Amino acid sequence: MAIVCKEAAEEYIAVNNDFEIYAPLVMNSDIILISSDKIKEIGMTANKGFHKDFIIQKYSDVKLHEMNAQALPYSYETGRVDAVIMDITKLGDLKGKVIEPSKEDYVTYVLIVKSDYIKTNEFREFVSSYNEAIERLTKPEEITDYMMEYSNLNERRREEWKVKLLRINGPN
């Protein structure tokens, strides 16, 4: 069982027939961070096709640089790219304007599970515990407390938070 980005999950299950994408878990966690209104070069995580789609819809004449996700903040901060599209929880103290990549909701992370594990009591217990946590974290005061304690998001970033945490429909 793993929580991974949608693209990685699709690639994984394509070559591992005993796993399946069980449920979407997180929506809208990716953002575009821009350094100015003149965007010429944008950094994005390699192999994230939906990021390309977002960029093409927003910017017509830019050069895309696919790279390792950990390189995005450095590339942005050193001016090698004018913008990055990345998970909001990875922004830290990077300066710039946050833009939503899409007005529509989009899935960013999913749960992949070994198919025979879905039928176990352990998986049912996991789903129950996960859903309890989501219930708590969807209360505005709880998510703010959690973000302040466990993330590197500053106050401004918390105001830009559009992420939706989704419940898992339990196994039968």
N, C-alpha and C. Protein backbone atom coordinates (compact mmCIF):
# COMPACT_ATOMS: atom_id res chain seq x y z
N MET A 1 0.86 -1.16 0.00
CA MET A 1 0.00 0.00 0.00
C MET A 1 0.91 1.23 0.00
N ALA A 2 0.51 2.26 -0.79
CA ALA A 2 1.32 3.48 -0.86
C ALA A 2 0.44 4.65 -1.29
N ILE A 3 0.84 5.82 -0.87
CA ILE A 3 0.22 7.06 -1.33
C ILE A 3 1.22 7.71 -2.27
N VAL A 4 0.83 7.85 -3.53
CA VAL A 4 1.75 8.37 -4.54
C VAL A 4 1.00 9.30 -5.49
N CYS A 5 1.76 10.06 -6.27
CA CYS A 5 1.12 10.93 -7.25
C CYS A 5 0.40 10.08 -8.29
N LYS A 6 -0.59 10.66 -8.90
CA LYS A 6 -1.44 9.95 -9.86
C LYS A 6 -0.64 9.32 -10.99
N GLU A 7 0.30 10.06 -11.57
CA GLU A 7 1.09 9.53 -12.68
C GLU A 7 1.93 8.33 -12.26
N ALA A 8 2.60 8.43 -11.12
CA ALA A 8 3.42 7.32 -10.65
C ALA A 8 2.56 6.09 -10.38
N ALA A 9 1.38 6.30 -9.83
CA ALA A 9 0.47 5.18 -9.57
C ALA A 9 0.07 4.49 -10.86
N GLU A 10 -0.26 5.27 -11.87
CA GLU A 10 -0.66 4.67 -13.15
C GLU A 10 0.47 3.88 -13.77
N GLU A 11 1.69 4.41 -13.69
CA GLU A 11 2.85 3.69 -14.22
C GLU A 11 3.10 2.40 -13.44
N TYR A 12 2.95 2.47 -12.12
CA TYR A 12 3.23 1.32 -11.27
C TYR A 12 2.24 0.19 -11.53
N ILE A 13 0.96 0.51 -11.55
CA ILE A 13 -0.02 -0.56 -11.73
C ILE A 13 0.00 -1.13 -13.15
N ALA A 14 0.53 -0.37 -14.10
CA ALA A 14 0.63 -0.87 -15.46
C ALA A 14 1.61 -2.05 -15.55
N VAL A 15 2.59 -2.08 -14.66
CA VAL A 15 3.58 -3.16 -14.67
C VAL A 15 3.46 -4.09 -13.45
N ASN A 16 2.54 -3.82 -12.56
CA ASN A 16 2.32 -4.65 -11.37
C ASN A 16 0.83 -4.97 -11.27
N ASN A 17 0.44 -6.04 -11.92
CA ASN A 17 -0.98 -6.39 -12.02
C ASN A 17 -1.64 -6.74 -10.70
N ASP A 18 -0.87 -7.03 -9.66
CA ASP A 18 -1.48 -7.37 -8.38
C ASP A 18 -1.80 -6.14 -7.53
N PHE A 19 -1.52 -4.93 -8.05
CA PHE A 19 -1.87 -3.69 -7.37
C PHE A 19 -2.94 -2.94 -8.15
N GLU A 20 -3.67 -2.08 -7.44
CA GLU A 20 -4.67 -1.24 -8.10
C GLU A 20 -4.73 0.12 -7.43
N ILE A 21 -5.20 1.09 -8.18
CA ILE A 21 -5.47 2.40 -7.59
C ILE A 21 -6.79 2.25 -6.87
N TYR A 22 -6.75 2.40 -5.55
CA TYR A 22 -7.95 2.17 -4.75
C TYR A 22 -8.82 3.42 -4.63
N ALA A 23 -8.17 4.56 -4.41
CA ALA A 23 -8.96 5.78 -4.19
C ALA A 23 -8.11 7.02 -4.36
N PRO A 24 -8.72 8.12 -4.81
CA PRO A 24 -8.02 9.41 -4.76
C PRO A 24 -7.98 9.87 -3.30
N LEU A 25 -6.88 10.48 -2.89
CA LEU A 25 -6.76 10.94 -1.50
C LEU A 25 -6.60 12.44 -1.35
N VAL A 26 -5.91 13.06 -2.31
CA VAL A 26 -5.61 14.49 -2.20
C VAL A 26 -5.92 15.16 -3.53
N MET A 27 -6.55 16.31 -3.44
CA MET A 27 -6.83 17.11 -4.63
C MET A 27 -6.21 18.49 -4.47
N ASN A 28 -5.79 19.06 -5.58
CA ASN A 28 -5.39 20.47 -5.67
C ASN A 28 -4.14 20.84 -4.87
N SER A 29 -3.22 19.92 -4.66
CA SER A 29 -2.04 20.27 -3.86
C SER A 29 -0.93 20.92 -4.69
N ASP A 30 -1.02 20.86 -6.00
CA ASP A 30 0.00 21.47 -6.84
C ASP A 30 -0.35 22.92 -7.14
N ILE A 31 0.67 23.76 -7.15
CA ILE A 31 0.49 25.19 -7.44
C ILE A 31 1.57 25.62 -8.43
N ILE A 32 1.36 26.78 -9.01
CA ILE A 32 2.40 27.42 -9.82
C ILE A 32 2.91 28.60 -9.02
N LEU A 33 4.21 28.67 -8.83
CA LEU A 33 4.83 29.79 -8.13
C LEU A 33 5.61 30.58 -9.16
N ILE A 34 5.30 31.87 -9.28
CA ILE A 34 5.97 32.70 -10.29
C ILE A 34 6.76 33.82 -9.61
N SER A 35 7.88 34.17 -10.23
CA SER A 35 8.74 35.22 -9.68
C SER A 35 8.37 36.60 -10.22
N SER A 36 7.76 36.65 -11.41
CA SER A 36 7.33 37.91 -12.00
C SER A 36 6.24 37.62 -13.02
N ASP A 37 5.71 38.66 -13.63
CA ASP A 37 4.67 38.46 -14.63
C ASP A 37 5.24 38.05 -15.98
N LYS A 38 6.54 38.14 -16.15
CA LYS A 38 7.20 37.76 -17.41
C LYS A 38 7.80 36.36 -17.25
N ILE A 39 7.02 35.37 -17.58
CA ILE A 39 7.44 33.98 -17.42
C ILE A 39 7.95 33.45 -18.76
N LYS A 40 9.21 33.05 -18.76
CA LYS A 40 9.80 32.48 -19.97
C LYS A 40 10.17 31.01 -19.78
N GLU A 41 10.54 30.64 -18.56
CA GLU A 41 10.97 29.27 -18.29
C GLU A 41 10.32 28.77 -17.01
N ILE A 42 9.76 27.56 -17.10
CA ILE A 42 9.04 26.97 -15.97
C ILE A 42 9.61 25.59 -15.66
N GLY A 43 9.90 25.38 -14.39
CA GLY A 43 10.36 24.07 -13.94
C GLY A 43 9.19 23.23 -13.49
N MET A 44 9.26 21.95 -13.82
CA MET A 44 8.20 21.01 -13.42
C MET A 44 8.83 19.66 -13.13
N THR A 45 8.13 18.87 -12.33
CA THR A 45 8.60 17.52 -12.04
C THR A 45 8.53 16.67 -13.30
N ALA A 46 9.58 15.92 -13.56
CA ALA A 46 9.62 15.05 -14.74
C ALA A 46 8.48 14.04 -14.70
N ASN A 47 7.93 13.77 -15.86
CA ASN A 47 6.90 12.74 -16.06
C ASN A 47 5.54 13.07 -15.42
N LYS A 48 5.27 14.31 -15.17
CA LYS A 48 3.94 14.69 -14.69
C LYS A 48 3.19 15.35 -15.83
N GLY A 49 2.54 14.54 -16.63
CA GLY A 49 1.85 15.02 -17.83
C GLY A 49 0.79 16.06 -17.55
N PHE A 50 0.08 15.92 -16.44
CA PHE A 50 -0.97 16.91 -16.17
C PHE A 50 -0.37 18.27 -15.83
N HIS A 51 0.87 18.31 -15.36
CA HIS A 51 1.53 19.61 -15.16
C HIS A 51 1.74 20.30 -16.50
N LYS A 52 2.17 19.55 -17.51
CA LYS A 52 2.33 20.12 -18.85
C LYS A 52 1.01 20.69 -19.34
N ASP A 53 -0.07 19.94 -19.12
CA ASP A 53 -1.39 20.41 -19.55
C ASP A 53 -1.75 21.73 -18.88
N PHE A 54 -1.49 21.83 -17.57
CA PHE A 54 -1.78 23.08 -16.85
C PHE A 54 -0.98 24.24 -17.43
N ILE A 55 0.31 24.00 -17.66
CA ILE A 55 1.19 25.06 -18.17
C ILE A 55 0.75 25.52 -19.56
N ILE A 56 0.47 24.57 -20.44
CA ILE A 56 0.05 24.91 -21.80
C ILE A 56 -1.22 25.75 -21.79
N GLN A 57 -2.14 25.45 -20.87
CA GLN A 57 -3.39 26.22 -20.79
C GLN A 57 -3.15 27.64 -20.29
N LYS A 58 -2.17 27.84 -19.43
CA LYS A 58 -1.94 29.16 -18.82
C LYS A 58 -0.91 30.01 -19.57
N TYR A 59 0.09 29.37 -20.15
CA TYR A 59 1.20 30.10 -20.76
C TYR A 59 1.45 29.53 -22.16
N SER A 60 1.43 30.41 -23.16
CA SER A 60 1.56 29.92 -24.54
C SER A 60 3.00 29.80 -25.01
N ASP A 61 3.87 30.69 -24.57
CA ASP A 61 5.23 30.71 -25.11
C ASP A 61 6.25 30.61 -23.99
N VAL A 62 6.35 29.44 -23.38
CA VAL A 62 7.33 29.23 -22.33
C VAL A 62 8.13 27.97 -22.62
N LYS A 63 9.29 27.90 -22.04
CA LYS A 63 10.12 26.71 -22.15
C LYS A 63 9.95 25.91 -20.87
N LEU A 64 9.63 24.63 -21.01
CA LEU A 64 9.45 23.75 -19.85
C LEU A 64 10.74 23.01 -19.56
N HIS A 65 11.07 22.91 -18.28
CA HIS A 65 12.24 22.18 -17.84
C HIS A 65 11.77 21.07 -16.89
N GLU A 66 11.83 19.84 -17.36
CA GLU A 66 11.47 18.72 -16.49
C GLU A 66 12.68 18.36 -15.65
N MET A 67 12.44 18.16 -14.34
CA MET A 67 13.55 17.86 -13.44
C MET A 67 13.05 17.08 -12.24
N ASN A 68 13.97 16.66 -11.43
CA ASN A 68 13.67 15.99 -10.18
C ASN A 68 12.93 16.98 -9.28
N ALA A 69 11.90 16.51 -8.57
CA ALA A 69 11.09 17.39 -7.72
C ALA A 69 11.93 18.14 -6.69
N GLN A 70 12.98 17.51 -6.18
CA GLN A 70 13.82 18.15 -5.17
C GLN A 70 14.65 19.30 -5.75
N ALA A 71 14.82 19.34 -7.07
CA ALA A 71 15.59 20.40 -7.71
C ALA A 71 14.76 21.64 -7.99
N LEU A 72 13.46 21.54 -7.93
CA LEU A 72 12.60 22.68 -8.28
C LEU A 72 12.85 23.90 -7.41
N PRO A 73 12.83 23.78 -6.08
CA PRO A 73 13.06 24.99 -5.27
C PRO A 73 14.41 25.66 -5.56
N TYR A 74 15.45 24.87 -5.70
CA TYR A 74 16.78 25.43 -6.00
C TYR A 74 16.78 26.14 -7.35
N SER A 75 16.23 25.49 -8.36
CA SER A 75 16.20 26.09 -9.70
C SER A 75 15.43 27.41 -9.70
N TYR A 76 14.37 27.47 -8.94
CA TYR A 76 13.57 28.69 -8.84
C TYR A 76 14.32 29.77 -8.07
N GLU A 77 14.85 29.40 -6.92
CA GLU A 77 15.51 30.37 -6.05
C GLU A 77 16.76 30.96 -6.70
N THR A 78 17.45 30.20 -7.52
CA THR A 78 18.66 30.69 -8.17
C THR A 78 18.37 31.38 -9.50
N GLY A 79 17.10 31.46 -9.88
CA GLY A 79 16.72 32.16 -11.10
C GLY A 79 16.91 31.38 -12.39
N ARG A 80 17.15 30.11 -12.27
CA ARG A 80 17.30 29.29 -13.48
C ARG A 80 15.97 29.11 -14.20
N VAL A 81 14.88 29.20 -13.44
CA VAL A 81 13.54 29.21 -14.02
C VAL A 81 12.77 30.37 -13.39
N ASP A 82 11.76 30.88 -14.11
CA ASP A 82 10.96 32.00 -13.62
C ASP A 82 9.77 31.54 -12.80
N ALA A 83 9.44 30.26 -12.94
CA ALA A 83 8.27 29.71 -12.25
C ALA A 83 8.47 28.21 -12.06
N VAL A 84 7.75 27.66 -11.10
CA VAL A 84 7.74 26.22 -10.88
C VAL A 84 6.31 25.77 -10.63
N ILE A 85 6.03 24.55 -11.01
CA ILE A 85 4.77 23.93 -10.63
C ILE A 85 5.14 22.77 -9.72
N MET A 86 4.61 22.81 -8.50
CA MET A 86 5.01 21.83 -7.50
C MET A 86 3.98 21.75 -6.38
N ASP A 87 4.15 20.79 -5.51
CA ASP A 87 3.27 20.61 -4.36
C ASP A 87 3.45 21.78 -3.39
N ILE A 88 2.35 22.33 -2.93
CA ILE A 88 2.41 23.50 -2.05
C ILE A 88 3.17 23.21 -0.76
N THR A 89 3.15 21.97 -0.28
CA THR A 89 3.84 21.66 0.96
C THR A 89 5.36 21.69 0.81
N LYS A 90 5.84 21.76 -0.42
CA LYS A 90 7.29 21.78 -0.67
C LYS A 90 7.82 23.20 -0.89
N LEU A 91 6.96 24.20 -0.79
CA LEU A 91 7.37 25.58 -1.09
C LEU A 91 8.30 26.18 -0.05
N GLY A 92 8.06 25.84 1.19
CA GLY A 92 8.87 26.45 2.25
C GLY A 92 8.76 27.96 2.22
N ASP A 93 9.88 28.64 2.22
CA ASP A 93 9.91 30.10 2.25
C ASP A 93 10.18 30.73 0.89
N LEU A 94 9.98 29.98 -0.19
CA LEU A 94 10.20 30.56 -1.51
C LEU A 94 9.30 31.77 -1.72
N LYS A 95 9.87 32.82 -2.26
CA LYS A 95 9.12 34.06 -2.53
C LYS A 95 8.48 33.98 -3.90
N GLY A 96 7.36 34.65 -4.06
CA GLY A 96 6.70 34.69 -5.35
C GLY A 96 5.20 34.65 -5.20
N LYS A 97 4.53 34.73 -6.33
CA LYS A 97 3.08 34.73 -6.37
C LYS A 97 2.58 33.32 -6.69
N VAL A 98 1.64 32.85 -5.89
CA VAL A 98 1.06 31.53 -6.10
C VAL A 98 -0.15 31.65 -7.02
N ILE A 99 -0.17 30.80 -8.03
CA ILE A 99 -1.29 30.75 -8.97
C ILE A 99 -1.84 29.33 -8.96
N GLU A 100 -3.15 29.23 -8.95
CA GLU A 100 -3.76 27.91 -9.06
C GLU A 100 -3.60 27.41 -10.49
N PRO A 101 -3.16 26.18 -10.67
CA PRO A 101 -2.97 25.68 -12.03
C PRO A 101 -4.29 25.47 -12.78
N SER A 102 -5.38 25.27 -12.03
CA SER A 102 -6.67 24.99 -12.67
C SER A 102 -7.79 25.52 -11.79
N LYS A 103 -8.84 25.98 -12.43
CA LYS A 103 -10.04 26.38 -11.68
C LYS A 103 -10.85 25.16 -11.27
N GLU A 104 -10.62 24.04 -11.95
CA GLU A 104 -11.31 22.79 -11.65
C GLU A 104 -10.50 21.98 -10.63
N ASP A 105 -11.18 21.16 -9.83
CA ASP A 105 -10.48 20.25 -8.94
C ASP A 105 -9.73 19.20 -9.75
N TYR A 106 -8.59 18.79 -9.27
CA TYR A 106 -7.79 17.76 -9.92
C TYR A 106 -7.14 16.89 -8.85
N VAL A 107 -7.00 15.61 -9.13
CA VAL A 107 -6.42 14.66 -8.19
C VAL A 107 -4.90 14.75 -8.28
N THR A 108 -4.25 14.84 -7.12
CA THR A 108 -2.79 14.87 -7.10
C THR A 108 -2.19 13.61 -6.48
N TYR A 109 -2.83 13.03 -5.49
CA TYR A 109 -2.31 11.81 -4.86
C TYR A 109 -3.41 10.77 -4.73
N VAL A 110 -3.01 9.51 -4.92
CA VAL A 110 -3.94 8.39 -4.84
C VAL A 110 -3.36 7.32 -3.93
N LEU A 111 -4.22 6.40 -3.52
CA LEU A 111 -3.81 5.25 -2.72
C LEU A 111 -3.74 4.04 -3.64
N ILE A 112 -2.56 3.41 -3.69
CA ILE A 112 -2.47 2.14 -4.42
C ILE A 112 -2.35 1.02 -3.38
N VAL A 113 -3.01 -0.09 -3.69
CA VAL A 113 -3.10 -1.19 -2.73
C VAL A 113 -2.96 -2.51 -3.48
N LYS A 114 -2.30 -3.45 -2.86
CA LYS A 114 -2.25 -4.80 -3.41
C LYS A 114 -3.67 -5.36 -3.35
N SER A 115 -4.15 -5.85 -4.45
CA SER A 115 -5.56 -6.23 -4.58
C SER A 115 -6.04 -7.19 -3.50
N ASP A 116 -5.24 -8.20 -3.15
CA ASP A 116 -5.70 -9.15 -2.13
C ASP A 116 -5.67 -8.56 -0.72
N TYR A 117 -4.95 -7.46 -0.51
CA TYR A 117 -4.91 -6.82 0.81
C TYR A 117 -6.22 -6.09 1.12
N ILE A 118 -6.92 -5.67 0.08
CA ILE A 118 -8.18 -4.93 0.25
C ILE A 118 -9.20 -5.73 1.06
N LYS A 119 -9.14 -7.03 0.99
CA LYS A 119 -10.12 -7.90 1.66
C LYS A 119 -9.79 -8.17 3.12
N THR A 120 -8.68 -7.62 3.63
CA THR A 120 -8.25 -7.93 4.99
C THR A 120 -8.84 -6.98 6.03
N ASN A 121 -8.86 -7.48 7.27
CA ASN A 121 -9.29 -6.63 8.39
C ASN A 121 -8.32 -5.48 8.62
N GLU A 122 -7.04 -5.72 8.38
CA GLU A 122 -6.05 -4.65 8.55
C GLU A 122 -6.33 -3.48 7.62
N PHE A 123 -6.73 -3.78 6.39
CA PHE A 123 -7.04 -2.70 5.46
C PHE A 123 -8.30 -1.95 5.92
N ARG A 124 -9.30 -2.69 6.38
CA ARG A 124 -10.52 -2.03 6.89
C ARG A 124 -10.17 -1.10 8.06
N GLU A 125 -9.27 -1.56 8.94
CA GLU A 125 -8.84 -0.74 10.08
C GLU A 125 -8.08 0.49 9.59
N PHE A 126 -7.24 0.32 8.59
CA PHE A 126 -6.53 1.46 8.02
C PHE A 126 -7.52 2.49 7.48
N VAL A 127 -8.49 2.03 6.70
CA VAL A 127 -9.48 2.95 6.11
C VAL A 127 -10.22 3.69 7.21
N SER A 128 -10.61 2.98 8.25
CA SER A 128 -11.32 3.62 9.36
C SER A 128 -10.45 4.68 10.04
N SER A 129 -9.20 4.34 10.34
CA SER A 129 -8.29 5.31 10.98
C SER A 129 -8.00 6.49 10.07
N TYR A 130 -7.78 6.21 8.80
CA TYR A 130 -7.52 7.28 7.83
C TYR A 130 -8.71 8.25 7.78
N ASN A 131 -9.91 7.70 7.67
CA ASN A 131 -11.10 8.55 7.58
C ASN A 131 -11.32 9.36 8.85
N GLU A 132 -10.99 8.80 10.01
CA GLU A 132 -11.07 9.56 11.26
C GLU A 132 -10.12 10.76 11.21
N ALA A 133 -8.92 10.52 10.72
CA ALA A 133 -7.94 11.62 10.61
C ALA A 133 -8.43 12.68 9.64
N ILE A 134 -9.01 12.27 8.53
CA ILE A 134 -9.53 13.23 7.55
C ILE A 134 -10.67 14.03 8.15
N GLU A 135 -11.53 13.40 8.92
CA GLU A 135 -12.61 14.14 9.60
C GLU A 135 -12.05 15.26 10.46
N ARG A 136 -10.99 14.95 11.21
CA ARG A 136 -10.37 15.98 12.06
C ARG A 136 -9.71 17.06 11.21
N LEU A 137 -9.01 16.66 10.17
CA LEU A 137 -8.24 17.62 9.38
C LEU A 137 -9.09 18.47 8.45
N THR A 138 -10.34 18.13 8.26
CA THR A 138 -11.19 18.97 7.43
C THR A 138 -11.88 20.06 8.23
N LYS A 139 -11.68 20.06 9.52
CA LYS A 139 -12.16 21.17 10.35
C LYS A 139 -11.12 22.28 10.26
N PRO A 140 -11.53 23.49 9.92
CA PRO A 140 -10.55 24.57 9.68
C PRO A 140 -9.53 24.76 10.80
N GLU A 141 -9.96 24.70 12.06
CA GLU A 141 -9.01 24.92 13.15
C GLU A 141 -8.03 23.76 13.27
N GLU A 142 -8.46 22.56 12.96
CA GLU A 142 -7.57 21.40 13.03
C GLU A 142 -6.50 21.45 11.95
N ILE A 143 -6.91 21.76 10.72
CA ILE A 143 -5.91 21.79 9.64
C ILE A 143 -4.90 22.90 9.87
N THR A 144 -5.35 24.03 10.38
CA THR A 144 -4.41 25.13 10.67
C THR A 144 -3.42 24.71 11.75
N ASP A 145 -3.91 24.09 12.83
CA ASP A 145 -3.01 23.62 13.88
C ASP A 145 -2.02 22.60 13.34
N TYR A 146 -2.52 21.67 12.55
CA TYR A 146 -1.66 20.63 11.97
C TYR A 146 -0.59 21.25 11.07
N MET A 147 -1.01 22.15 10.20
CA MET A 147 -0.07 22.77 9.28
C MET A 147 1.00 23.56 10.03
N MET A 148 0.61 24.24 11.10
CA MET A 148 1.57 25.02 11.86
C MET A 148 2.59 24.12 12.56
N GLU A 149 2.13 22.96 13.03
CA GLU A 149 3.02 22.07 13.78
C GLU A 149 3.88 21.18 12.89
N TYR A 150 3.31 20.70 11.77
CA TYR A 150 3.99 19.66 11.01
C TYR A 150 4.47 20.07 9.62
N SER A 151 4.21 21.28 9.19
CA SER A 151 4.66 21.65 7.85
C SER A 151 5.59 22.85 7.93
N ASN A 152 6.20 23.15 6.79
CA ASN A 152 7.07 24.31 6.73
C ASN A 152 6.35 25.48 6.05
N LEU A 153 5.02 25.44 6.02
CA LEU A 153 4.26 26.51 5.37
C LEU A 153 4.16 27.71 6.30
N ASN A 154 4.45 28.89 5.76
CA ASN A 154 4.31 30.08 6.57
C ASN A 154 2.86 30.56 6.52
N GLU A 155 2.55 31.61 7.23
CA GLU A 155 1.16 32.09 7.33
C GLU A 155 0.58 32.41 5.96
N ARG A 156 1.34 33.05 5.10
CA ARG A 156 0.86 33.38 3.76
C ARG A 156 0.50 32.12 2.98
N ARG A 157 1.33 31.11 3.07
CA ARG A 157 1.06 29.87 2.35
C ARG A 157 -0.20 29.19 2.88
N ARG A 158 -0.43 29.27 4.17
CA ARG A 158 -1.64 28.67 4.72
C ARG A 158 -2.88 29.34 4.16
N GLU A 159 -2.80 30.63 3.87
CA GLU A 159 -3.93 31.34 3.27
C GLU A 159 -4.15 30.91 1.83
N GLU A 160 -3.11 30.41 1.18
CA GLU A 160 -3.21 29.98 -0.22
C GLU A 160 -3.62 28.51 -0.35
N TRP A 161 -3.80 27.83 0.76
CA TRP A 161 -4.10 26.40 0.80
C TRP A 161 -5.47 26.12 0.18
N LYS A 162 -5.48 25.40 -0.93
CA LYS A 162 -6.73 25.00 -1.60
C LYS A 162 -6.86 23.48 -1.65
N VAL A 163 -5.99 22.81 -0.91
CA VAL A 163 -5.93 21.35 -0.93
C VAL A 163 -7.19 20.75 -0.32
N LYS A 164 -7.67 19.69 -0.95
CA LYS A 164 -8.80 18.93 -0.41
C LYS A 164 -8.32 17.54 -0.06
N LEU A 165 -8.56 17.14 1.18
CA LEU A 165 -8.24 15.80 1.64
C LEU A 165 -9.51 14.97 1.55
N LEU A 166 -9.42 13.83 0.90
CA LEU A 166 -10.61 13.04 0.59
C LEU A 166 -10.73 11.81 1.47
N ARG A 167 -11.95 11.48 1.83
CA ARG A 167 -12.23 10.24 2.56
C ARG A 167 -12.11 9.05 1.59
N ILE A 168 -11.83 7.90 2.17
CA ILE A 168 -11.80 6.65 1.40
C ILE A 168 -13.12 5.94 1.62
N ASN A 169 -13.77 5.58 0.54
CA ASN A 169 -14.95 4.72 0.66
C ASN A 169 -14.44 3.35 1.03
N GLY A 170 -14.87 2.84 2.18
CA GLY A 170 -14.35 1.59 2.73
C GLY A 170 -14.67 0.36 1.91
N PRO A 171 -13.88 -0.67 2.12
CA PRO A 171 -14.13 -1.94 1.41
C PRO A 171 -15.40 -2.58 1.96
N ASN A 172 -16.00 -3.38 1.12
CA ASN A 172 -17.24 -4.07 1.54
C ASN A 172 -16.95 -5.27 2.40
